[in-house]
Every structure is written in C-alpha cells, then in structure tokens.
Amino acid sequence: MSPPNLNTPAVFLSAAATGTAAVLIFSVMPVLIGGFAEEFQLSDAQAGLIATSYFSSYALVALSCPLWVRRFDWRVTIFLAYIALILGTQCLALAVSYEQILMSMAVAGLGAGILFPVSLTLAADTRRPERTYALKIMPEQLIPAAILLILAGLQATPGDYVIPLAVGTLTLCALASLGMPDKGLTITRVAEAGTDIGWGVLGLIALAVSFAGYAGLWVFFERIATQHEFSDTFTQTWLAVGLVMSGIGPLFAAIYANRFGYAKPIIGGTLIAVMAMALLGFEIDKLRFALVLIILPLAYYVMITYMMAVIAGVDKTGKISGLMSFALAIGAGVGPAAFGALNDAALSSLAIMIIGVGLGSILILWVIQSNTMRQEQAE
C-alpha cells in the first residue's frame, strides 16, 4: 500500500485548522480570565487556576497520544474532539459559578488536547516540517487576533461576544478540517529510536519550561493592563497586535527554513524575547506595554517554531512529535498558576518567567549540539 500524500493544500489546511481550534481558547484566555475575574471577583491565584483547569485535562489527553495517535482514524478522532471543545466553550457562557467555569474549561481542554497532537503529528509527517509548523502557527495566532480586534472595535465587555465568536470560529475550523487524512505516515525508523528518545524527551522538557515562562506572562497581560487602568479597548487592541506578531514570527521559518540552521534563530529569538519581558520590570506605561506586545510574541514565535522542528528532527519513533502538545500544555498550565501565586505572594513572578524562557532555550541548544555531534560521528 502506498503511503498517503501529506503534502497537499487540503492536508496543510487541515493541520492549520485543527491547530487553530486547539489553541484558540488559550489565545483569548487573557480576555476570558479578565472577564471572569471581574464578574466573580477572583484573586490572581484563582484566575490562574482557570488556565490550569483547561490545561490539566488537555495535558492528560495529550500525554496519552503515543497510544492512539497512529492507531485511530484521525477523521473520527477529530470529530469527537470538536464536539467536546465546542460544547465546553459554549458552557462557559452558561456558567454561574467559579466551579462551573473550571468544569467547562476542563471539558474544552479534553477536545483541544486531542486536536493538537493530531495537528502536530500531521505537520511532522510532511516533507518540510519546519515550514509546515510555520504555516500552521500563523493562522493559530492571526485568527484569535482577528477575534480580539473585533472585540476592540465593538467596544464591548469581554463576556458579551468572545464566547460566541470562539464557538463560531471553532465550527469553521471543523469544516476546514474535512480534508484530514485518516492516518499519517507508517513509521519504520524504530531501529534508531533507543539512541534518540532521551534527547527527544529533553526537547519536550525544554519546550515545556520555555512555554511556561511565556504563557505565565501572556495570560496575565490583561490583568497587568487593568492594574494600570488601561482601557478595555486599548488592551484588547494590543493583545490582538501581540497575536498578529505571533503569526508573523513564524514567517521567518517559512521563508528561510533551515538556511541559518536551528541554533542561531533560537538564540536570537530568546535574547530578544528576554529583553522584551524585562521591560515590564520597569514602570509600565501604555508605550512600554505596547512595545512588549510587539516585540515579545514576534521573537518568541520565531524561536518556538525552530524548537518544534528540532524535536521533530530527533523523533525516530514518530510518537515524540505528538507529545509536543503535552509539553505545551504543561507549560501553559504551570506558567499562569505560578505567575498568579507568585503575584499574590508579592514575589518576583516576572523574573521566574524570564528564567523559564532562557532555561528552555539552553536545554534545546543542548539537544541540537548532541544531534550535530552524532551526525558528524556517523559520517
């Protein structure tokens, strides 16, 4: 039986659509959490636990993906996942208590936790995964940005339109996923798996640690703006700009692929991202807030695109790539909870987030160095 052709526009669209659906709630989470925090008078620690509830269920499902991602029919799998994600998101609009919010987020997380491993595995199976990841990440950021710009244009409170817009977007993503193949490539490179799985796992740890630093800050941007009495329209507009920059960043990988290797873009992106985060350690005004939301997502998403390509490159089993969704979920769950708890305790939350981003990059550079040495020895 000939392998499926995974390098067609329909397949690329399906990878992008499932990925966009999987990250949509996280992307608009600053607005969601801000709205819930105001409505239910939540502390920073409680607000952070909303993200943790979503990513706890997300992470549990994503962790199991090596057991099913290459066994089950992808079309049936994503259909069930879309039902859970859309149902959980819609229930957020009906929630009348903090506990119901946590439960609804957990249900939505189940659906997203299924969709993202399929999207990542499909991208890893294509001919040039670094370019596919870039083409996938762009709509994952630009579509949520459009939602935030619509909210800003409507000058509405977050709870008025964000959930209906999210449900409508998820439905469109489901329709755009109709070109999903029923399976990916049949992996035959298992003979080398023992020598590489450890480095693949270290790559996953690097991704989780790095994203914890980024996600911890991202989820609380709306809270930071509120504490400095910036208007809702200003905040939503610049959060949307941040998402646009997140979508533009991967263009570097889409255009240049591995022309400069993987290490240089990761180092450059990390240095710029860390400097942008450090700007928030000074007195925050509108100009500084806007500059961070331009620079930080742009630099970080150049870096993370190459981090994902590194992990895909050392994955000889075909299963580690799907676990990138688990690593991102761990980071996205731990980061906001840690940021909120540190803020409530009046500790230096920003410094810890910066350390997370930097440490993640150091670990992935170790993976690159090891892989380069093994390739040279093989030659």
Protein backbone atom coordinates (compact mmCIF):
# COMPACT_ATOMS: atom_id res chain seq x y z
CA MET A 1 0.00 0.00 0.00
CA SER A 2 1.42 3.38 -1.00
CA PRO A 3 1.81 5.98 1.79
CA PRO A 4 -0.72 8.83 1.92
CA ASN A 5 0.19 12.08 0.19
CA LEU A 6 0.55 14.55 3.07
CA ASN A 7 1.90 17.44 1.00
CA THR A 8 -1.35 18.78 -0.47
CA PRO A 9 -3.19 22.06 0.22
CA ALA A 10 -6.10 20.15 1.82
CA VAL A 11 -3.74 18.49 4.28
CA PHE A 12 -1.97 21.76 5.13
CA LEU A 13 -5.37 23.39 5.69
CA SER A 14 -6.46 20.54 7.97
CA ALA A 15 -3.26 20.81 10.02
CA ALA A 16 -3.77 24.56 10.36
CA ALA A 17 -7.48 24.28 11.18
CA THR A 18 -7.08 21.64 13.88
CA GLY A 19 -4.12 23.54 15.34
CA THR A 20 -6.08 26.81 15.35
CA ALA A 21 -9.02 25.19 17.11
CA ALA A 22 -6.68 23.61 19.67
CA VAL A 23 -5.00 26.90 20.66
CA LEU A 24 -7.97 29.26 20.32
CA ILE A 25 -9.05 29.19 23.96
CA PHE A 26 -5.50 29.74 25.17
CA SER A 27 -5.03 32.66 22.76
CA VAL A 28 -8.11 34.51 24.01
CA MET A 29 -7.59 33.39 27.61
CA PRO A 30 -6.35 36.81 28.81
CA VAL A 31 -9.73 38.28 27.82
CA LEU A 32 -11.68 35.31 29.19
CA ILE A 33 -9.85 35.32 32.51
CA GLY A 34 -10.11 39.10 32.77
CA GLY A 35 -13.86 38.94 32.25
CA PHE A 36 -14.36 36.11 34.74
CA ALA A 37 -12.07 37.78 37.29
CA GLU A 38 -14.19 40.94 37.18
CA GLU A 39 -17.54 39.11 37.20
CA PHE A 40 -16.70 36.69 40.03
CA GLN A 41 -14.19 38.89 41.92
CA LEU A 42 -11.34 36.36 41.62
CA SER A 43 -7.84 36.65 43.06
CA ASP A 44 -4.82 36.28 40.79
CA ALA A 45 -4.30 32.73 42.09
CA GLN A 46 -7.93 31.78 41.31
CA ALA A 47 -7.67 33.38 37.86
CA GLY A 48 -4.51 31.39 37.17
CA LEU A 49 -6.32 28.17 38.13
CA ILE A 50 -8.82 28.73 35.30
CA ALA A 51 -5.97 28.23 32.84
CA THR A 52 -4.68 25.31 34.90
CA SER A 53 -8.09 23.59 34.78
CA TYR A 54 -8.12 23.81 30.99
CA PHE A 55 -4.57 22.61 30.53
CA SER A 56 -4.75 19.84 33.15
CA SER A 57 -7.32 17.88 31.13
CA TYR A 58 -5.56 18.96 27.93
CA ALA A 59 -2.26 17.60 29.24
CA LEU A 60 -3.71 14.27 30.41
CA VAL A 61 -5.17 13.55 26.97
CA ALA A 62 -2.07 14.79 25.16
CA LEU A 63 0.15 12.59 27.33
CA SER A 64 -1.71 9.51 26.11
CA CYS A 65 -1.26 10.40 22.42
CA PRO A 66 1.54 7.86 21.72
CA LEU A 67 -1.04 5.16 22.48
CA TRP A 68 -3.58 6.33 19.92
CA VAL A 69 -2.26 8.99 17.53
CA ARG A 70 -1.09 6.44 14.92
CA ARG A 71 -3.73 3.81 15.66
CA PHE A 72 -7.09 5.55 15.48
CA ASP A 73 -8.77 7.01 12.42
CA TRP A 74 -7.88 10.71 12.52
CA ARG A 75 -11.17 11.81 10.92
CA VAL A 76 -13.29 10.12 13.59
CA THR A 77 -10.94 11.25 16.35
CA ILE A 78 -11.07 14.94 15.48
CA PHE A 79 -14.86 14.81 15.03
CA LEU A 80 -15.27 13.67 18.65
CA ALA A 81 -12.68 16.22 19.79
CA TYR A 82 -14.51 19.10 18.12
CA ILE A 83 -17.73 18.09 19.91
CA ALA A 84 -16.01 18.26 23.33
CA LEU A 85 -14.23 21.53 22.56
CA ILE A 86 -17.30 23.33 21.21
CA LEU A 87 -19.55 22.01 23.99
CA GLY A 88 -17.11 23.05 26.74
CA THR A 89 -16.67 26.51 25.23
CA GLN A 90 -20.40 27.06 24.91
CA CYS A 91 -20.91 26.01 28.55
CA LEU A 92 -18.64 28.88 29.62
CA ALA A 93 -21.39 31.26 28.53
CA LEU A 94 -23.86 29.47 30.80
CA ALA A 95 -21.59 29.24 33.87
CA VAL A 96 -22.95 30.92 37.00
CA SER A 97 -20.17 29.95 39.43
CA TYR A 98 -16.40 29.65 39.59
CA GLU A 99 -16.68 25.87 39.83
CA GLN A 100 -18.74 25.68 36.65
CA ILE A 101 -16.11 27.73 34.84
CA LEU A 102 -13.41 25.27 35.93
CA MET A 103 -15.53 22.29 34.79
CA SER A 104 -16.34 23.85 31.41
CA MET A 105 -12.67 24.67 30.82
CA ALA A 106 -11.73 21.09 31.65
CA VAL A 107 -14.21 19.72 29.07
CA ALA A 108 -12.92 22.13 26.42
CA GLY A 109 -9.38 21.09 27.30
CA LEU A 110 -10.21 17.45 26.55
CA GLY A 111 -11.17 18.34 22.99
CA ALA A 112 -8.21 20.61 22.40
CA GLY A 113 -5.88 18.01 23.89
CA ILE A 114 -6.94 15.56 21.18
CA LEU A 115 -6.79 18.00 18.28
CA PHE A 116 -3.30 19.37 18.87
CA PRO A 117 -1.38 16.05 18.86
CA VAL A 118 -3.06 15.14 15.57
CA SER A 119 -2.16 18.53 14.10
CA LEU A 120 1.47 18.32 15.27
CA THR A 121 1.91 14.72 14.12
CA LEU A 122 0.47 15.54 10.71
CA ALA A 123 2.86 18.50 10.37
CA ALA A 124 5.82 16.34 11.43
CA ASP A 125 4.98 13.83 8.68
CA THR A 126 5.19 16.39 5.89
CA ARG A 127 8.25 16.85 3.69
CA ARG A 128 9.50 20.10 5.34
CA PRO A 129 8.15 20.14 8.90
CA GLU A 130 9.75 23.47 9.87
CA ARG A 131 7.81 25.16 7.07
CA THR A 132 4.61 23.28 7.87
CA TYR A 133 4.89 24.28 11.53
CA ALA A 134 5.34 27.89 10.43
CA LEU A 135 2.34 27.78 8.07
CA LYS A 136 0.33 26.14 10.86
CA ILE A 137 1.31 28.59 13.60
CA MET A 138 0.41 31.69 11.55
CA PRO A 139 -3.38 31.10 11.46
CA GLU A 140 -3.21 29.79 15.03
CA GLN A 141 -2.22 33.32 16.05
CA LEU A 142 -3.83 35.52 13.38
CA ILE A 143 -7.37 34.16 13.73
CA PRO A 144 -7.55 34.78 17.51
CA ALA A 145 -6.05 38.21 16.81
CA ALA A 146 -8.98 38.94 14.49
CA ILE A 147 -11.38 38.00 17.30
CA LEU A 148 -9.69 40.42 19.69
CA LEU A 149 -9.73 43.19 17.09
CA ILE A 150 -13.46 42.62 16.56
CA LEU A 151 -14.00 42.88 20.32
CA ALA A 152 -12.00 46.09 20.45
CA GLY A 153 -13.95 47.50 17.52
CA LEU A 154 -17.24 46.68 19.17
CA GLN A 155 -16.01 48.30 22.40
CA ALA A 156 -17.81 45.51 24.21
CA THR A 157 -17.13 43.89 27.55
CA PRO A 158 -15.28 40.58 27.07
CA GLY A 159 -18.20 38.40 28.14
CA ASP A 160 -20.57 39.88 25.56
CA TYR A 161 -19.08 38.44 22.39
CA VAL A 162 -15.86 36.48 22.97
CA ILE A 163 -17.55 33.12 23.62
CA PRO A 164 -19.98 33.30 20.66
CA LEU A 165 -17.10 34.36 18.41
CA ALA A 166 -14.99 31.47 19.71
CA VAL A 167 -17.77 28.93 19.12
CA GLY A 168 -18.34 30.24 15.59
CA THR A 169 -14.60 30.07 14.84
CA LEU A 170 -14.35 26.51 16.17
CA THR A 171 -17.24 25.48 13.94
CA LEU A 172 -15.49 26.94 10.89
CA CYS A 173 -12.28 25.13 11.88
CA ALA A 174 -14.21 21.86 12.00
CA LEU A 175 -15.46 22.44 8.44
CA ALA A 176 -11.95 23.34 7.27
CA SER A 177 -10.68 20.04 8.70
CA LEU A 178 -12.68 17.92 6.25
CA GLY A 179 -9.52 17.26 4.24
CA MET A 180 -7.88 15.49 7.19
CA PRO A 181 -6.34 12.15 6.10
CA ASP A 182 -7.41 9.10 8.06
CA LYS A 183 -3.80 8.42 9.11
CA GLY A 184 -0.24 9.68 8.83
CA LEU A 185 2.92 8.00 7.65
CA THR A 186 3.81 4.48 8.72
CA ILE A 187 6.94 4.93 10.81
CA THR A 188 9.71 2.43 10.07
CA ARG A 189 12.70 4.18 11.65
CA VAL A 190 12.33 2.42 15.02
CA ALA A 191 15.80 0.82 14.88
CA GLU A 192 17.40 4.12 15.85
CA ALA A 193 14.81 5.00 18.47
CA GLY A 194 16.84 3.96 21.51
CA THR A 195 19.63 6.43 20.76
CA ASP A 196 17.32 9.40 20.25
CA ILE A 197 14.35 9.05 22.57
CA GLY A 198 16.25 10.55 25.51
CA TRP A 199 17.11 13.65 23.50
CA GLY A 200 13.52 13.84 22.28
CA VAL A 201 12.30 13.80 25.88
CA LEU A 202 14.83 16.50 26.81
CA GLY A 203 13.50 18.55 23.90
CA LEU A 204 9.98 18.18 25.30
CA ILE A 205 11.17 19.33 28.72
CA ALA A 206 12.83 22.34 27.09
CA LEU A 207 9.60 23.20 25.27
CA ALA A 208 7.53 22.90 28.47
CA VAL A 209 9.88 25.04 30.57
CA SER A 210 10.15 27.71 27.90
CA PHE A 211 6.42 27.90 27.25
CA ALA A 212 5.67 28.06 30.98
CA GLY A 213 7.65 31.29 31.09
CA TYR A 214 5.89 32.76 28.07
CA ALA A 215 2.38 31.54 28.92
CA GLY A 216 2.60 32.70 32.53
CA LEU A 217 3.10 36.25 31.35
CA TRP A 218 0.74 36.07 28.35
CA VAL A 219 -2.32 35.02 30.35
CA PHE A 220 -1.85 37.92 32.79
CA PHE A 221 -1.35 40.72 30.25
CA GLU A 222 -5.00 41.72 30.66
CA ARG A 223 -4.63 41.78 34.46
CA ILE A 224 -1.48 43.90 34.13
CA ALA A 225 -3.37 46.36 31.93
CA THR A 226 -6.29 46.51 34.38
CA GLN A 227 -3.96 47.17 37.32
CA HIS A 228 -2.54 50.13 35.40
CA GLU A 229 -6.04 51.34 34.47
CA PHE A 230 -5.67 50.95 30.72
CA SER A 231 -8.99 50.92 28.85
CA ASP A 232 -10.53 47.65 27.63
CA THR A 233 -10.34 48.85 24.02
CA PHE A 234 -6.62 49.68 24.35
CA THR A 235 -5.89 46.33 25.99
CA GLN A 236 -7.84 44.22 23.51
CA THR A 237 -6.30 46.06 20.57
CA TRP A 238 -2.75 45.46 21.75
CA LEU A 239 -3.41 41.86 22.73
CA ALA A 240 -4.62 41.42 19.15
CA VAL A 241 -1.43 43.07 17.89
CA GLY A 242 0.53 40.61 20.04
CA LEU A 243 -1.24 37.69 18.38
CA VAL A 244 -0.60 39.18 14.93
CA MET A 245 3.10 39.40 15.77
CA SER A 246 2.95 35.77 16.95
CA GLY A 247 1.65 34.90 13.49
CA ILE A 248 4.28 36.97 11.67
CA GLY A 249 7.21 35.48 13.61
CA PRO A 250 6.96 32.01 12.04
CA LEU A 251 7.20 33.59 8.58
CA PHE A 252 10.95 33.62 9.19
CA ALA A 253 10.95 29.82 9.32
CA ALA A 254 8.54 29.56 6.40
CA ILE A 255 10.83 31.67 4.21
CA TYR A 256 14.29 30.66 5.36
CA ALA A 257 13.62 27.11 6.67
CA ASN A 258 17.00 25.78 7.93
CA ARG A 259 19.19 28.13 5.88
CA PHE A 260 20.70 29.53 9.09
CA GLY A 261 20.48 26.27 10.99
CA TYR A 262 18.29 25.92 14.05
CA ALA A 263 20.58 27.24 16.79
CA LYS A 264 21.01 30.82 15.53
CA PRO A 265 17.27 31.65 15.23
CA ILE A 266 16.67 30.11 18.67
CA ILE A 267 19.46 32.12 20.29
CA GLY A 268 18.42 35.35 18.59
CA GLY A 269 14.74 34.88 19.36
CA THR A 270 15.47 34.07 23.01
CA LEU A 271 17.67 37.11 23.60
CA ILE A 272 15.12 39.48 22.09
CA ALA A 273 12.20 37.85 23.93
CA VAL A 274 14.00 38.02 27.29
CA MET A 275 14.87 41.69 26.79
CA ALA A 276 11.24 42.45 25.91
CA MET A 277 9.99 40.65 29.04
CA ALA A 278 12.50 42.58 31.14
CA LEU A 279 10.92 45.87 30.02
CA LEU A 280 7.93 45.04 32.23
CA GLY A 281 10.23 45.19 35.25
CA PHE A 282 10.31 48.98 34.92
CA GLU A 283 7.44 51.41 35.34
CA ILE A 284 4.72 50.32 32.91
CA ASP A 285 3.00 52.89 30.73
CA LYS A 286 1.00 52.44 27.54
CA LEU A 287 4.03 52.80 25.29
CA ARG A 288 6.05 50.17 27.15
CA PHE A 289 3.05 47.82 27.29
CA ALA A 290 2.54 48.17 23.52
CA LEU A 291 6.25 47.68 22.74
CA VAL A 292 6.36 44.44 24.71
CA LEU A 293 3.32 43.12 22.84
CA ILE A 294 5.02 43.89 19.53
CA ILE A 295 8.49 42.52 20.29
CA LEU A 296 7.92 39.58 22.65
CA PRO A 297 5.47 37.46 20.57
CA LEU A 298 7.39 38.14 17.36
CA ALA A 299 10.69 36.95 18.79
CA TYR A 300 9.26 34.11 20.84
CA TYR A 301 7.38 32.52 17.97
CA VAL A 302 10.43 32.59 15.71
CA MET A 303 12.21 30.68 18.46
CA ILE A 304 9.46 28.18 19.27
CA THR A 305 8.95 27.26 15.61
CA TYR A 306 12.56 26.11 15.45
CA MET A 307 12.33 24.39 18.83
CA MET A 308 9.48 22.26 17.47
CA ALA A 309 11.47 21.48 14.31
CA VAL A 310 14.41 20.31 16.46
CA ILE A 311 12.16 17.90 18.38
CA ALA A 312 10.62 16.58 15.16
CA GLY A 313 14.14 16.07 13.78
CA VAL A 314 15.27 13.80 16.64
CA ASP A 315 11.98 11.87 16.74
CA LYS A 316 12.70 8.47 15.20
CA THR A 317 9.64 6.76 16.69
CA GLY A 318 7.00 9.08 15.22
CA LYS A 319 5.46 9.48 18.68
CA ILE A 320 7.54 12.19 20.35
CA SER A 321 6.26 14.88 17.96
CA GLY A 322 2.68 14.35 19.13
CA LEU A 323 3.83 14.79 22.73
CA MET A 324 4.80 18.39 21.97
CA SER A 325 1.16 19.19 22.70
CA PHE A 326 1.60 17.66 26.17
CA ALA A 327 4.75 19.69 26.77
CA LEU A 328 3.00 22.91 25.70
CA ALA A 329 0.01 22.04 27.90
CA ILE A 330 2.23 21.51 30.93
CA GLY A 331 3.90 24.84 30.30
CA ALA A 332 0.60 26.62 29.73
CA GLY A 333 -0.89 25.10 32.88
CA VAL A 334 2.06 25.62 35.21
CA GLY A 335 3.07 29.09 33.98
CA PRO A 336 -0.14 31.03 34.74
CA ALA A 337 -0.70 29.22 38.06
CA ALA A 338 2.87 30.03 39.13
CA PHE A 339 2.63 33.65 37.95
CA GLY A 340 -0.66 34.18 39.83
CA ALA A 341 0.57 32.52 43.03
CA LEU A 342 3.85 34.46 42.97
CA ASN A 343 1.96 37.71 42.39
CA ASP A 344 -0.38 37.03 45.32
CA ALA A 345 2.68 36.32 47.48
CA ALA A 346 4.31 39.58 46.29
CA LEU A 347 7.27 37.65 44.86
CA SER A 348 9.16 38.31 41.61
CA SER A 349 6.93 36.48 39.14
CA LEU A 350 8.41 38.24 36.10
CA ALA A 351 11.97 37.12 36.90
CA ILE A 352 10.85 33.48 37.20
CA MET A 353 9.10 33.67 33.80
CA ILE A 354 12.25 35.11 32.21
CA ILE A 355 14.34 32.31 33.71
CA GLY A 356 11.90 29.76 32.28
CA VAL A 357 12.23 31.09 28.73
CA GLY A 358 16.01 31.24 28.97
CA LEU A 359 16.40 27.79 30.53
CA GLY A 360 14.19 26.19 27.89
CA SER A 361 16.41 27.57 25.16
CA ILE A 362 19.58 26.36 26.87
CA LEU A 363 18.16 22.83 27.04
CA ILE A 364 17.09 22.77 23.37
CA LEU A 365 20.52 24.03 22.31
CA TRP A 366 21.98 21.06 24.19
CA VAL A 367 19.76 18.78 22.10
CA ILE A 368 20.95 20.48 18.90
CA GLN A 369 24.61 20.15 19.90
CA SER A 370 24.20 16.46 20.72
CA ASN A 371 22.38 15.75 17.46
CA THR A 372 25.08 17.56 15.46
CA MET A 373 27.85 15.56 17.17
CA ARG A 374 26.09 12.25 16.48
CA GLN A 375 25.61 13.14 12.82
CA GLU A 376 29.32 14.02 12.49
CA GLN A 377 30.31 10.73 14.14
CA ALA A 378 28.03 8.81 11.77
CA GLU A 379 29.75 10.41 8.78
